[in-house]
Each structure stands twice: as structure tokens, then as C-alpha cells.
Amino acid sequence: MTREEKSNVIQDLTAQLADNSTIYLTDISGLDALTTSDLRRACFKADVKLAVVKNTLLAKAMEASEKDFGELPEVLKGNTSLMFSETGNVPAKLIKSFRKKSDKPLLKGAFIAEAIYLGDEQLDTLVNIKSKEEMIGEIIGLLQSPAKNVISGLKSGGGKLAGILKTLSEKE
């Protein structure tokens, strides 16, 4: 690879790092062609972009990026694959479900909305991260709950009141 080609790759990686707020670094080394193809297919279905990168070029792209990747460049050893997603927990769920059939991919680290997660033991934490849509849904549910309680109280109270009035009018 010539110096100009490396420069172009670094620029492309820097642009991808800037455009994505959810970045996973994984190790998929040792997967055979069929399993790698299955992983790529699963990533495509989950709307996750998967790319194999050279560690030195990725480290330079991270350095050139405006984002603070903290200790993430330190995990760039061995084979590294990048996973980009719009939703923070989708790649973690994909990795976890894929590991039911294979021992890879291993999570090296992740960068999700300014937060850095290092090591494969963080996978369960990342799976439990709520997406923006899930959080909005929960907030709406919490806001609707008191209103529903008031309305149902008024409906049931109105029925009781009507029943009491009817009983009193029948007694007279």
C-alpha cells in the first residue's frame, strides 16, 4: 500500500469515525469464510456496518478525529474489525446472539455517545443500553400512567356515584 493509499484510507476512516456515534472494535480472527459470511449477513440485516481495518491506520484516524477515544487505541492489537451502528446496543446484541454458534467475535472495546467501554466483559452492559426510541417509549409510558390512573378513577368513581344515586332514588 502506497503512502497516498494509506492517507486516503486514514481520511475515510476519520470521516466514518466522525459520522458515527456508535463504534465497536471487535476481533473476528480465526473465523472461517462461511462463518465470516454469516456474520456479515447478520450485520447487514441488523443495519450494522462491518469493516476490517489495519490497527495502525485506525489509530492514526482516531488521533486525527475530533472525538476523544481515551484508552480505546490501546486495544488495537491483533486483528481488528469495526462495527458502526445508529443504535448503541444493536452490535452488542448481534455479537451475543452470534456467539451462540461461535466463540467470536470478541469485543475489544466500544465508543458509544462519548462513553468508552473496554474489554469483552462489557458486552452484557452494552446489551442493556437502551436506544433513543426505547427511552422515549419509556418516558411516554411513565407520563401516560398517572393520566390513565386519574381517568380510570374518574370513570369508576362516576359509576359508583351513579349507582349510589340510583339506589337512593329507588329507596324513596
N, C-alpha and C. Protein backbone atom coordinates (compact mmCIF):
# COMPACT_ATOMS: atom_id res chain seq x y z
N MET A 1 0.85 -1.17 0.00
CA MET A 1 0.00 0.00 0.00
C MET A 1 0.90 1.24 0.00
N THR A 2 0.66 2.12 -0.95
CA THR A 2 1.48 3.32 -1.05
C THR A 2 1.08 4.33 0.02
N ARG A 3 1.94 5.30 0.20
CA ARG A 3 1.69 6.35 1.20
C ARG A 3 0.38 7.09 0.89
N GLU A 4 0.12 7.33 -0.39
CA GLU A 4 -1.10 8.04 -0.79
C GLU A 4 -2.33 7.20 -0.49
N GLU A 5 -2.26 5.89 -0.75
CA GLU A 5 -3.38 5.00 -0.45
C GLU A 5 -3.65 4.96 1.06
N LYS A 6 -2.59 4.90 1.84
CA LYS A 6 -2.74 4.90 3.30
C LYS A 6 -3.39 6.20 3.76
N SER A 7 -2.98 7.30 3.18
CA SER A 7 -3.55 8.60 3.53
C SER A 7 -5.04 8.64 3.22
N ASN A 8 -5.41 8.09 2.07
CA ASN A 8 -6.83 8.04 1.69
C ASN A 8 -7.63 7.17 2.65
N VAL A 9 -7.07 6.03 3.05
CA VAL A 9 -7.75 5.14 3.99
C VAL A 9 -7.94 5.83 5.33
N ILE A 10 -6.90 6.53 5.79
CA ILE A 10 -6.99 7.26 7.07
C ILE A 10 -8.06 8.33 7.00
N GLN A 11 -8.13 9.05 5.88
CA GLN A 11 -9.17 10.07 5.72
C GLN A 11 -10.56 9.45 5.73
N ASP A 12 -10.71 8.32 5.04
CA ASP A 12 -12.02 7.64 5.02
C ASP A 12 -12.40 7.17 6.42
N LEU A 13 -11.44 6.58 7.13
CA LEU A 13 -11.72 6.11 8.49
C LEU A 13 -12.06 7.27 9.42
N THR A 14 -11.34 8.38 9.29
CA THR A 14 -11.61 9.55 10.11
C THR A 14 -13.02 10.06 9.85
N ALA A 15 -13.44 10.07 8.59
CA ALA A 15 -14.80 10.51 8.25
C ALA A 15 -15.83 9.56 8.84
N GLN A 16 -15.58 8.25 8.77
CA GLN A 16 -16.52 7.28 9.34
C GLN A 16 -16.60 7.43 10.86
N LEU A 17 -15.47 7.66 11.51
CA LEU A 17 -15.47 7.85 12.96
C LEU A 17 -16.25 9.10 13.33
N ALA A 18 -16.14 10.14 12.52
CA ALA A 18 -16.85 11.39 12.79
C ALA A 18 -18.35 11.24 12.57
N ASP A 19 -18.74 10.43 11.59
CA ASP A 19 -20.15 10.29 11.22
C ASP A 19 -20.93 9.35 12.13
N ASN A 20 -20.25 8.54 12.93
CA ASN A 20 -20.93 7.52 13.73
C ASN A 20 -20.70 7.76 15.22
N SER A 21 -21.77 7.65 15.99
CA SER A 21 -21.65 7.81 17.44
C SER A 21 -21.57 6.46 18.14
N THR A 22 -21.77 5.37 17.41
CA THR A 22 -21.67 4.03 17.97
C THR A 22 -20.63 3.26 17.18
N ILE A 23 -19.50 2.99 17.84
CA ILE A 23 -18.38 2.32 17.19
C ILE A 23 -17.92 1.17 18.07
N TYR A 24 -17.91 -0.03 17.53
CA TYR A 24 -17.44 -1.20 18.25
C TYR A 24 -16.15 -1.70 17.61
N LEU A 25 -15.18 -2.06 18.42
CA LEU A 25 -13.95 -2.69 17.95
C LEU A 25 -14.02 -4.16 18.35
N THR A 26 -13.93 -5.05 17.38
CA THR A 26 -14.07 -6.47 17.66
C THR A 26 -12.92 -7.26 17.05
N ASP A 27 -12.80 -8.49 17.50
CA ASP A 27 -11.80 -9.42 16.96
C ASP A 27 -12.56 -10.57 16.34
N ILE A 28 -12.46 -10.71 15.01
CA ILE A 28 -13.12 -11.82 14.34
C ILE A 28 -12.09 -12.78 13.73
N SER A 29 -10.85 -12.69 14.19
CA SER A 29 -9.81 -13.56 13.64
C SER A 29 -10.14 -15.01 13.94
N GLY A 30 -9.75 -15.88 13.04
CA GLY A 30 -9.98 -17.30 13.24
C GLY A 30 -11.31 -17.79 12.71
N LEU A 31 -12.18 -16.90 12.28
CA LEU A 31 -13.45 -17.34 11.70
C LEU A 31 -13.21 -17.82 10.27
N ASP A 32 -13.79 -18.94 9.92
CA ASP A 32 -13.64 -19.42 8.55
C ASP A 32 -14.51 -18.57 7.61
N ALA A 33 -14.35 -18.79 6.32
CA ALA A 33 -15.04 -17.97 5.32
C ALA A 33 -16.55 -18.04 5.46
N LEU A 34 -17.09 -19.21 5.71
CA LEU A 34 -18.55 -19.38 5.84
C LEU A 34 -19.08 -18.63 7.06
N THR A 35 -18.39 -18.75 8.19
CA THR A 35 -18.83 -18.07 9.41
C THR A 35 -18.70 -16.55 9.26
N THR A 36 -17.63 -16.10 8.63
CA THR A 36 -17.45 -14.67 8.39
C THR A 36 -18.56 -14.15 7.49
N SER A 37 -18.92 -14.93 6.49
CA SER A 37 -20.01 -14.55 5.59
C SER A 37 -21.33 -14.47 6.37
N ASP A 38 -21.56 -15.42 7.26
CA ASP A 38 -22.77 -15.40 8.10
C ASP A 38 -22.79 -14.15 8.98
N LEU A 39 -21.62 -13.79 9.54
CA LEU A 39 -21.53 -12.59 10.38
C LEU A 39 -21.83 -11.34 9.56
N ARG A 40 -21.25 -11.26 8.38
CA ARG A 40 -21.50 -10.10 7.52
C ARG A 40 -22.99 -10.00 7.17
N ARG A 41 -23.62 -11.13 6.88
CA ARG A 41 -25.05 -11.16 6.56
C ARG A 41 -25.88 -10.70 7.75
N ALA A 42 -25.51 -11.18 8.95
CA ALA A 42 -26.23 -10.78 10.17
C ALA A 42 -26.07 -9.28 10.41
N CYS A 43 -24.87 -8.77 10.16
CA CYS A 43 -24.63 -7.33 10.32
C CYS A 43 -25.49 -6.53 9.34
N PHE A 44 -25.56 -7.00 8.10
CA PHE A 44 -26.35 -6.31 7.08
C PHE A 44 -27.82 -6.26 7.48
N LYS A 45 -28.34 -7.39 7.97
CA LYS A 45 -29.75 -7.45 8.37
C LYS A 45 -30.03 -6.54 9.56
N ALA A 46 -29.04 -6.38 10.45
CA ALA A 46 -29.23 -5.55 11.64
C ALA A 46 -28.85 -4.09 11.39
N ASP A 47 -28.52 -3.75 10.15
CA ASP A 47 -28.11 -2.39 9.78
C ASP A 47 -26.84 -1.97 10.53
N VAL A 48 -25.90 -2.90 10.61
CA VAL A 48 -24.59 -2.65 11.23
C VAL A 48 -23.55 -2.77 10.13
N LYS A 49 -22.69 -1.75 10.01
CA LYS A 49 -21.62 -1.80 9.02
C LYS A 49 -20.41 -2.48 9.65
N LEU A 50 -19.85 -3.47 8.96
CA LEU A 50 -18.69 -4.21 9.44
C LEU A 50 -17.52 -3.96 8.49
N ALA A 51 -16.37 -3.60 9.04
CA ALA A 51 -15.18 -3.36 8.22
C ALA A 51 -13.94 -3.86 8.96
N VAL A 52 -13.08 -4.55 8.23
CA VAL A 52 -11.80 -4.99 8.79
C VAL A 52 -10.79 -3.90 8.48
N VAL A 53 -10.02 -3.50 9.48
CA VAL A 53 -9.09 -2.39 9.32
C VAL A 53 -7.70 -2.74 9.85
N LYS A 54 -6.73 -1.98 9.38
CA LYS A 54 -5.37 -2.12 9.92
C LYS A 54 -5.29 -1.26 11.18
N ASN A 55 -4.70 -1.83 12.22
CA ASN A 55 -4.63 -1.13 13.51
C ASN A 55 -3.90 0.20 13.41
N THR A 56 -2.78 0.24 12.70
CA THR A 56 -2.01 1.49 12.62
C THR A 56 -2.81 2.58 11.93
N LEU A 57 -3.54 2.22 10.88
CA LEU A 57 -4.33 3.22 10.16
C LEU A 57 -5.51 3.70 11.02
N LEU A 58 -6.13 2.76 11.73
CA LEU A 58 -7.24 3.14 12.62
C LEU A 58 -6.75 4.04 13.75
N ALA A 59 -5.59 3.73 14.30
CA ALA A 59 -5.02 4.55 15.38
C ALA A 59 -4.77 5.97 14.88
N LYS A 60 -4.24 6.11 13.67
CA LYS A 60 -4.00 7.43 13.11
C LYS A 60 -5.31 8.17 12.84
N ALA A 61 -6.33 7.43 12.40
CA ALA A 61 -7.64 8.04 12.15
C ALA A 61 -8.25 8.51 13.47
N MET A 62 -8.10 7.71 14.54
CA MET A 62 -8.62 8.11 15.85
C MET A 62 -7.91 9.36 16.35
N GLU A 63 -6.62 9.41 16.09
CA GLU A 63 -5.82 10.57 16.51
C GLU A 63 -6.26 11.82 15.74
N ALA A 64 -6.56 11.66 14.45
CA ALA A 64 -6.97 12.79 13.61
C ALA A 64 -8.40 13.21 13.88
N SER A 65 -9.19 12.34 14.49
CA SER A 65 -10.59 12.63 14.74
C SER A 65 -10.74 13.67 15.85
N GLU A 66 -11.87 14.37 15.82
CA GLU A 66 -12.15 15.36 16.86
C GLU A 66 -12.69 14.72 18.13
N LYS A 67 -13.08 13.45 18.05
CA LYS A 67 -13.62 12.75 19.21
C LYS A 67 -12.48 12.31 20.13
N ASP A 68 -12.80 12.21 21.42
CA ASP A 68 -11.83 11.74 22.39
C ASP A 68 -12.07 10.24 22.62
N PHE A 69 -11.19 9.42 22.06
CA PHE A 69 -11.34 7.98 22.18
C PHE A 69 -10.65 7.42 23.42
N GLY A 70 -10.07 8.27 24.24
CA GLY A 70 -9.48 7.86 25.51
C GLY A 70 -8.51 6.71 25.36
N GLU A 71 -8.78 5.60 26.06
CA GLU A 71 -7.90 4.44 26.07
C GLU A 71 -8.21 3.45 24.95
N LEU A 72 -9.16 3.75 24.11
CA LEU A 72 -9.56 2.83 23.05
C LEU A 72 -8.42 2.45 22.09
N PRO A 73 -7.54 3.38 21.70
CA PRO A 73 -6.44 2.97 20.80
C PRO A 73 -5.51 1.91 21.41
N GLU A 74 -5.51 1.77 22.72
CA GLU A 74 -4.64 0.78 23.37
C GLU A 74 -5.09 -0.65 23.10
N VAL A 75 -6.35 -0.87 22.71
CA VAL A 75 -6.84 -2.22 22.44
C VAL A 75 -6.57 -2.65 21.01
N LEU A 76 -5.93 -1.80 20.23
CA LEU A 76 -5.68 -2.11 18.82
C LEU A 76 -4.47 -3.03 18.69
N LYS A 77 -4.68 -4.27 19.01
CA LYS A 77 -3.65 -5.31 18.88
C LYS A 77 -4.30 -6.50 18.20
N GLY A 78 -3.55 -7.20 17.39
CA GLY A 78 -4.13 -8.34 16.68
C GLY A 78 -5.07 -7.87 15.58
N ASN A 79 -5.97 -8.73 15.18
CA ASN A 79 -6.94 -8.36 14.14
C ASN A 79 -8.05 -7.50 14.74
N THR A 80 -8.43 -6.47 14.00
CA THR A 80 -9.48 -5.58 14.48
C THR A 80 -10.51 -5.35 13.38
N SER A 81 -11.76 -5.46 13.77
CA SER A 81 -12.87 -5.15 12.89
C SER A 81 -13.69 -4.05 13.53
N LEU A 82 -14.21 -3.17 12.70
CA LEU A 82 -15.06 -2.07 13.17
C LEU A 82 -16.52 -2.40 12.89
N MET A 83 -17.37 -2.08 13.85
CA MET A 83 -18.81 -2.18 13.64
C MET A 83 -19.39 -0.80 13.92
N PHE A 84 -20.12 -0.28 12.94
CA PHE A 84 -20.80 1.00 13.07
C PHE A 84 -22.29 0.77 13.09
N SER A 85 -22.99 1.51 13.96
CA SER A 85 -24.44 1.37 14.04
C SER A 85 -25.06 2.68 14.49
N GLU A 86 -26.33 2.85 14.16
CA GLU A 86 -27.08 4.01 14.61
C GLU A 86 -27.54 3.84 16.06
N THR A 87 -27.74 2.59 16.48
CA THR A 87 -28.26 2.29 17.81
C THR A 87 -27.17 1.65 18.65
N GLY A 88 -27.01 2.14 19.88
CA GLY A 88 -25.90 1.72 20.74
C GLY A 88 -25.85 0.25 21.10
N ASN A 89 -26.99 -0.40 21.26
CA ASN A 89 -26.97 -1.78 21.75
C ASN A 89 -27.10 -2.83 20.65
N VAL A 90 -27.36 -2.45 19.42
CA VAL A 90 -27.58 -3.42 18.35
C VAL A 90 -26.34 -4.27 18.08
N PRO A 91 -25.13 -3.68 17.94
CA PRO A 91 -23.96 -4.55 17.71
C PRO A 91 -23.71 -5.50 18.89
N ALA A 92 -23.94 -5.07 20.10
CA ALA A 92 -23.74 -5.93 21.27
C ALA A 92 -24.70 -7.11 21.23
N LYS A 93 -25.96 -6.85 20.89
CA LYS A 93 -26.95 -7.93 20.78
C LYS A 93 -26.57 -8.88 19.65
N LEU A 94 -26.08 -8.33 18.54
CA LEU A 94 -25.67 -9.14 17.41
C LEU A 94 -24.49 -10.04 17.81
N ILE A 95 -23.50 -9.48 18.49
CA ILE A 95 -22.34 -10.26 18.94
C ILE A 95 -22.80 -11.37 19.87
N LYS A 96 -23.64 -11.03 20.82
CA LYS A 96 -24.10 -12.01 21.81
C LYS A 96 -24.87 -13.15 21.13
N SER A 97 -25.75 -12.82 20.21
CA SER A 97 -26.52 -13.88 19.54
C SER A 97 -25.62 -14.69 18.61
N PHE A 98 -24.64 -14.05 17.98
CA PHE A 98 -23.74 -14.78 17.08
C PHE A 98 -22.84 -15.73 17.85
N ARG A 99 -22.53 -15.39 19.09
CA ARG A 99 -21.67 -16.22 19.90
C ARG A 99 -22.34 -17.51 20.36
N LYS A 100 -23.62 -17.65 20.13
CA LYS A 100 -24.28 -18.91 20.45
C LYS A 100 -23.80 -20.02 19.52
N LYS A 101 -23.34 -19.62 18.31
CA LYS A 101 -22.85 -20.58 17.32
C LYS A 101 -21.34 -20.61 17.24
N SER A 102 -20.67 -19.54 17.68
CA SER A 102 -19.23 -19.40 17.51
C SER A 102 -18.65 -18.70 18.74
N ASP A 103 -17.35 -18.83 18.96
CA ASP A 103 -16.73 -18.16 20.11
C ASP A 103 -16.30 -16.73 19.77
N LYS A 104 -16.47 -16.33 18.54
CA LYS A 104 -16.12 -14.99 18.10
C LYS A 104 -17.38 -14.34 17.55
N PRO A 105 -17.46 -13.06 17.40
CA PRO A 105 -16.46 -12.04 17.63
C PRO A 105 -16.29 -11.70 19.11
N LEU A 106 -15.07 -11.31 19.44
CA LEU A 106 -14.77 -10.84 20.79
C LEU A 106 -14.81 -9.32 20.79
N LEU A 107 -15.35 -8.76 21.83
CA LEU A 107 -15.42 -7.30 21.95
C LEU A 107 -14.11 -6.78 22.52
N LYS A 108 -13.43 -5.92 21.78
CA LYS A 108 -12.21 -5.29 22.29
C LYS A 108 -12.56 -4.00 23.03
N GLY A 109 -13.50 -3.26 22.46
CA GLY A 109 -13.92 -2.00 23.07
C GLY A 109 -15.03 -1.37 22.25
N ALA A 110 -15.63 -0.35 22.83
CA ALA A 110 -16.71 0.35 22.15
C ALA A 110 -16.71 1.83 22.53
N PHE A 111 -17.17 2.65 21.60
CA PHE A 111 -17.34 4.08 21.81
C PHE A 111 -18.80 4.37 21.49
N ILE A 112 -19.56 4.72 22.53
CA ILE A 112 -20.99 4.97 22.33
C ILE A 112 -21.33 6.31 22.95
N ALA A 113 -21.64 7.26 22.10
CA ALA A 113 -22.05 8.60 22.53
C ALA A 113 -21.13 9.15 23.62
N GLU A 114 -19.87 9.24 23.31
CA GLU A 114 -18.85 9.81 24.20
C GLU A 114 -18.41 8.90 25.33
N ALA A 115 -19.04 7.76 25.54
CA ALA A 115 -18.66 6.82 26.60
C ALA A 115 -17.79 5.72 25.99
N ILE A 116 -16.79 5.28 26.75
CA ILE A 116 -15.85 4.27 26.27
C ILE A 116 -15.99 3.02 27.13
N TYR A 117 -16.09 1.88 26.47
CA TYR A 117 -16.18 0.59 27.14
C TYR A 117 -15.03 -0.26 26.66
N LEU A 118 -14.24 -0.81 27.58
CA LEU A 118 -13.09 -1.63 27.22
C LEU A 118 -13.27 -3.06 27.68
N GLY A 119 -12.99 -4.00 26.79
CA GLY A 119 -12.98 -5.41 27.16
C GLY A 119 -14.27 -6.14 26.87
N ASP A 120 -14.11 -7.45 26.68
CA ASP A 120 -15.24 -8.31 26.33
C ASP A 120 -16.24 -8.45 27.47
N GLU A 121 -15.79 -8.23 28.71
CA GLU A 121 -16.69 -8.35 29.86
C GLU A 121 -17.74 -7.24 29.89
N GLN A 122 -17.59 -6.23 29.06
CA GLN A 122 -18.56 -5.12 28.98
C GLN A 122 -19.75 -5.44 28.07
N LEU A 123 -19.73 -6.61 27.43
CA LEU A 123 -20.76 -6.95 26.45
C LEU A 123 -22.16 -6.93 27.05
N ASP A 124 -22.33 -7.51 28.24
CA ASP A 124 -23.67 -7.53 28.87
C ASP A 124 -24.14 -6.11 29.20
N THR A 125 -23.22 -5.27 29.63
CA THR A 125 -23.56 -3.87 29.90
C THR A 125 -24.05 -3.19 28.63
N LEU A 126 -23.36 -3.44 27.53
CA LEU A 126 -23.73 -2.81 26.26
C LEU A 126 -25.06 -3.34 25.72
N VAL A 127 -25.35 -4.60 25.95
CA VAL A 127 -26.63 -5.17 25.51
C VAL A 127 -27.78 -4.46 26.21
N ASN A 128 -27.57 -4.08 27.46
CA ASN A 128 -28.64 -3.48 28.26
C ASN A 128 -28.80 -1.98 28.05
N ILE A 129 -27.94 -1.37 27.25
CA ILE A 129 -28.09 0.06 26.95
C ILE A 129 -29.38 0.25 26.16
N LYS A 130 -30.15 1.22 26.53
CA LYS A 130 -31.42 1.48 25.85
C LYS A 130 -31.17 2.42 24.66
N SER A 131 -31.88 2.15 23.59
CA SER A 131 -31.80 3.02 22.42
C SER A 131 -32.61 4.27 22.68
N LYS A 132 -32.44 5.26 21.84
CA LYS A 132 -33.18 6.52 21.96
C LYS A 132 -34.68 6.26 21.90
N GLU A 133 -35.10 5.39 20.97
CA GLU A 133 -36.52 5.09 20.81
C GLU A 133 -37.08 4.39 22.04
N GLU A 134 -36.29 3.47 22.62
CA GLU A 134 -36.73 2.76 23.83
C GLU A 134 -36.89 3.73 25.00
N MET A 135 -35.96 4.66 25.12
CA MET A 135 -36.03 5.65 26.21
C MET A 135 -37.24 6.56 26.04
N ILE A 136 -37.49 7.00 24.82
CA ILE A 136 -38.66 7.85 24.56
C ILE A 136 -39.94 7.09 24.89
N GLY A 137 -40.00 5.82 24.49
CA GLY A 137 -41.16 4.98 24.78
C GLY A 137 -41.40 4.84 26.27
N GLU A 138 -40.32 4.63 27.03
CA GLU A 138 -40.45 4.51 28.49
C GLU A 138 -40.94 5.81 29.11
N ILE A 139 -40.40 6.93 28.66
CA ILE A 139 -40.81 8.23 29.20
C ILE A 139 -42.28 8.49 28.90
N ILE A 140 -42.69 8.19 27.68
CA ILE A 140 -44.10 8.39 27.32
C ILE A 140 -44.99 7.50 28.18
N GLY A 141 -44.56 6.25 28.38
CA GLY A 141 -45.32 5.33 29.23
C GLY A 141 -45.44 5.84 30.65
N LEU A 142 -44.33 6.39 31.19
CA LEU A 142 -44.37 6.93 32.54
C LEU A 142 -45.27 8.16 32.64
N LEU A 143 -45.25 8.98 31.59
CA LEU A 143 -46.10 10.17 31.60
C LEU A 143 -47.57 9.82 31.44
N GLN A 144 -47.87 8.77 30.69
CA GLN A 144 -49.26 8.37 30.47
C GLN A 144 -49.85 7.69 31.69
N SER A 145 -49.04 7.02 32.47
CA SER A 145 -49.53 6.23 33.60
C SER A 145 -50.37 7.04 34.59
N PRO A 146 -49.89 8.20 35.09
CA PRO A 146 -50.73 8.96 36.03
C PRO A 146 -52.04 9.44 35.40
N ALA A 147 -51.98 9.84 34.15
CA ALA A 147 -53.20 10.31 33.48
C ALA A 147 -54.21 9.18 33.36
N LYS A 148 -53.72 7.98 33.03
CA LYS A 148 -54.62 6.83 32.92
C LYS A 148 -55.24 6.50 34.27
N ASN A 149 -54.46 6.61 35.34
CA ASN A 149 -54.99 6.33 36.68
C ASN A 149 -56.10 7.32 37.05
N VAL A 150 -55.88 8.59 36.74
CA VAL A 150 -56.89 9.61 37.05
C VAL A 150 -58.16 9.34 36.25
N ILE A 151 -58.01 9.06 34.96
CA ILE A 151 -59.18 8.81 34.12
C ILE A 151 -59.93 7.58 34.58
N SER A 152 -59.22 6.50 34.89
CA SER A 152 -59.92 5.29 35.33
C SER A 152 -60.57 5.53 36.69
N GLY A 153 -59.94 6.31 37.55
CA GLY A 153 -60.54 6.65 38.84
C GLY A 153 -61.82 7.44 38.67
N LEU A 154 -61.80 8.39 37.74
CA LEU A 154 -62.99 9.19 37.47
C LEU A 154 -64.10 8.35 36.87
N LYS A 155 -63.72 7.44 35.96
CA LYS A 155 -64.74 6.58 35.35
C LYS A 155 -65.37 5.66 36.39
N SER A 156 -64.52 5.02 37.19
CA SER A 156 -65.08 4.10 38.18
C SER A 156 -65.83 4.87 39.28
N GLY A 157 -65.29 6.02 39.65
CA GLY A 157 -65.96 6.84 40.65
C GLY A 157 -67.30 7.33 40.14
N GLY A 158 -67.36 7.69 38.88
CA GLY A 158 -68.61 8.14 38.27
C GLY A 158 -69.64 7.02 38.26
N GLY A 159 -69.21 5.83 37.99
CA GLY A 159 -70.12 4.68 38.01
C GLY A 159 -70.63 4.41 39.40
N LYS A 160 -69.76 4.52 40.39
CA LYS A 160 -70.17 4.31 41.79
C LYS A 160 -71.16 5.38 42.21
N LEU A 161 -70.85 6.61 41.85
CA LEU A 161 -71.72 7.73 42.22
C LEU A 161 -73.10 7.56 41.59
N ALA A 162 -73.13 7.17 40.32
CA ALA A 162 -74.42 6.95 39.65
C ALA A 162 -75.17 5.81 40.32
N GLY A 163 -74.44 4.77 40.70
CA GLY A 163 -75.07 3.64 41.39
C GLY A 163 -75.65 4.04 42.72
N ILE A 164 -74.93 4.85 43.46
CA ILE A 164 -75.40 5.32 44.77
C ILE A 164 -76.65 6.19 44.59
N LEU A 165 -76.62 7.11 43.63
CA LEU A 165 -77.77 7.98 43.38
C LEU A 165 -79.00 7.16 42.96
N LYS A 166 -78.76 6.16 42.12
CA LYS A 166 -79.87 5.32 41.67
C LYS A 166 -80.47 4.55 42.85
N THR A 167 -79.61 4.02 43.71
CA THR A 167 -80.08 3.27 44.87
C THR A 167 -80.86 4.19 45.80
N LEU A 168 -80.36 5.41 46.02
CA LEU A 168 -81.05 6.35 46.91
C LEU A 168 -82.40 6.75 46.33
N SER A 169 -82.47 6.96 45.01
CA SER A 169 -83.74 7.36 44.39
C SER A 169 -84.75 6.22 44.43
N GLU A 170 -84.28 4.98 44.37
CA GLU A 170 -85.19 3.83 44.45
C GLU A 170 -85.75 3.65 45.85
N LYS A 171 -84.99 4.03 46.86
CA LYS A 171 -85.43 3.85 48.25
C LYS A 171 -86.54 4.83 48.59
N GLU A 172 -86.60 5.93 47.98
CA GLU A 172 -87.59 6.95 48.32
C GLU A 172 -88.88 6.69 47.69
